[in-house]
Amino acid sequence: MNIRNLDDLKIRIVGISVRVVVIVIVERLVKWERPMETVPCGAAIARVTLALLVFNRFPEETS
């Protein structure tokens, strides 16, 4: 693991977070106990993932 600055660390943390979220939604799909709750949960996870990707794609400008 080669982390040189805070941005590298943020990218790693977001990558791990996205993987965990994907595992959670796949687990819900495999169990399929309450299918009507799976779709909103998947949509919420997709929104959070998109927000994290945008956050990493357009980092804050520091002076």
C-alpha atoms as a PDB file:
ATOM      1  CA  MET A   1       0.000   0.000   0.000  1.00  0.00           C
ATOM      2  CA  ASN A   2       1.624   3.208  -1.181  1.00  0.00           C
ATOM      3  CA  ILE A   3      -0.096   6.216   0.366  1.00  0.00           C
ATOM      4  CA  ARG A   4       1.739   9.462  -0.227  1.00  0.00           C
ATOM      5  CA  ASN A   5      -0.852  12.022   0.871  1.00  0.00           C
ATOM      6  CA  LEU A   6      -4.355  12.490   2.213  1.00  0.00           C
ATOM      7  CA  ASP A   7      -5.958  12.229  -1.234  1.00  0.00           C
ATOM      8  CA  ASP A   8      -4.437   8.759  -1.719  1.00  0.00           C
ATOM      9  CA  LEU A   9      -5.864   7.718   1.631  1.00  0.00           C
ATOM     10  CA  LYS A  10      -9.329   9.085   0.741  1.00  0.00           C
ATOM     11  CA  ILE A  11      -9.308   7.155  -2.530  1.00  0.00           C
ATOM     12  CA  ARG A  12      -8.395   3.925  -0.720  1.00  0.00           C
ATOM     13  CA  ILE A  13     -11.090   4.429   1.929  1.00  0.00           C
ATOM     14  CA  VAL A  14     -13.763   5.172  -0.680  1.00  0.00           C
ATOM     15  CA  GLY A  15     -12.729   2.105  -2.679  1.00  0.00           C
ATOM     16  CA  ILE A  16     -13.051  -0.109   0.378  1.00  0.00           C
ATOM     17  CA  SER A  17     -16.372   1.492   1.314  1.00  0.00           C
ATOM     18  CA  VAL A  18     -17.793   0.842  -2.150  1.00  0.00           C
ATOM     19  CA  ARG A  19     -16.730  -2.793  -1.941  1.00  0.00           C
ATOM     20  CA  VAL A  20     -18.422  -3.214   1.433  1.00  0.00           C
ATOM     21  CA  VAL A  21     -21.610  -1.608   0.123  1.00  0.00           C
ATOM     22  CA  VAL A  22     -21.620  -3.910  -2.915  1.00  0.00           C
ATOM     23  CA  ILE A  23     -21.238  -6.916  -0.641  1.00  0.00           C
ATOM     24  CA  VAL A  24     -24.187  -5.754   1.472  1.00  0.00           C
ATOM     25  CA  ILE A  25     -26.497  -5.355  -1.536  1.00  0.00           C
ATOM     26  CA  VAL A  26     -25.443  -8.704  -3.014  1.00  0.00           C
ATOM     27  CA  GLU A  27     -26.114 -10.328   0.351  1.00  0.00           C
ATOM     28  CA  ARG A  28     -29.608  -8.813   0.389  1.00  0.00           C
ATOM     29  CA  LEU A  29     -30.228 -10.034  -3.164  1.00  0.00           C
ATOM     30  CA  VAL A  30     -29.084 -13.558  -2.326  1.00  0.00           C
ATOM     31  CA  LYS A  31     -31.272 -13.777   0.795  1.00  0.00           C
ATOM     32  CA  TRP A  32     -34.245 -12.169  -1.030  1.00  0.00           C
ATOM     33  CA  GLU A  33     -36.373 -12.223   2.123  1.00  0.00           C
ATOM     34  CA  ARG A  34     -38.113  -8.904   1.481  1.00  0.00           C
ATOM     35  CA  PRO A  35     -37.885  -8.070  -2.231  1.00  0.00           C
ATOM     36  CA  MET A  36     -39.804  -4.792  -1.902  1.00  0.00           C
ATOM     37  CA  GLU A  37     -37.099  -3.470   0.453  1.00  0.00           C
ATOM     38  CA  THR A  38     -34.220  -4.562  -1.784  1.00  0.00           C
ATOM     39  CA  VAL A  39     -34.959  -2.082  -4.571  1.00  0.00           C
ATOM     40  CA  PRO A  40     -34.993   1.060  -2.370  1.00  0.00           C
ATOM     41  CA  CYS A  41     -31.918  -0.203  -0.526  1.00  0.00           C
ATOM     42  CA  GLY A  42     -30.123  -0.726  -3.845  1.00  0.00           C
ATOM     43  CA  ALA A  43     -31.149   2.731  -5.022  1.00  0.00           C
ATOM     44  CA  ALA A  44     -29.865   4.319  -1.812  1.00  0.00           C
ATOM     45  CA  ILE A  45     -26.587   2.440  -2.113  1.00  0.00           C
ATOM     46  CA  ALA A  46     -26.254   3.544  -5.733  1.00  0.00           C
ATOM     47  CA  ARG A  47     -26.753   7.184  -4.711  1.00  0.00           C
ATOM     48  CA  VAL A  48     -24.148   6.966  -1.972  1.00  0.00           C
ATOM     49  CA  THR A  49     -21.699   5.253  -4.321  1.00  0.00           C
ATOM     50  CA  LEU A  50     -22.261   7.911  -6.969  1.00  0.00           C
ATOM     51  CA  ALA A  51     -21.695  10.664  -4.408  1.00  0.00           C
ATOM     52  CA  LEU A  52     -18.435   9.042  -3.322  1.00  0.00           C
ATOM     53  CA  LEU A  53     -17.270   8.701  -6.915  1.00  0.00           C
ATOM     54  CA  VAL A  54     -18.067  12.345  -7.645  1.00  0.00           C
ATOM     55  CA  PHE A  55     -16.299  13.335  -4.432  1.00  0.00           C
ATOM     56  CA  ASN A  56     -13.157  11.547  -5.627  1.00  0.00           C
ATOM     57  CA  ARG A  57     -13.439  12.682  -9.223  1.00  0.00           C
ATOM     58  CA  PHE A  58     -13.661  16.377  -8.358  1.00  0.00           C
ATOM     59  CA  PRO A  59     -11.492  16.896  -5.263  1.00  0.00           C
ATOM     60  CA  GLU A  60     -11.466  20.198  -3.443  1.00  0.00           C
ATOM     61  CA  GLU A  61      -8.990  22.738  -4.724  1.00  0.00           C
ATOM     62  CA  THR A  62      -6.470  23.629  -2.050  1.00  0.00           C
ATOM     63  CA  SER A  63      -4.343  26.751  -2.235  1.00  0.00           C
END
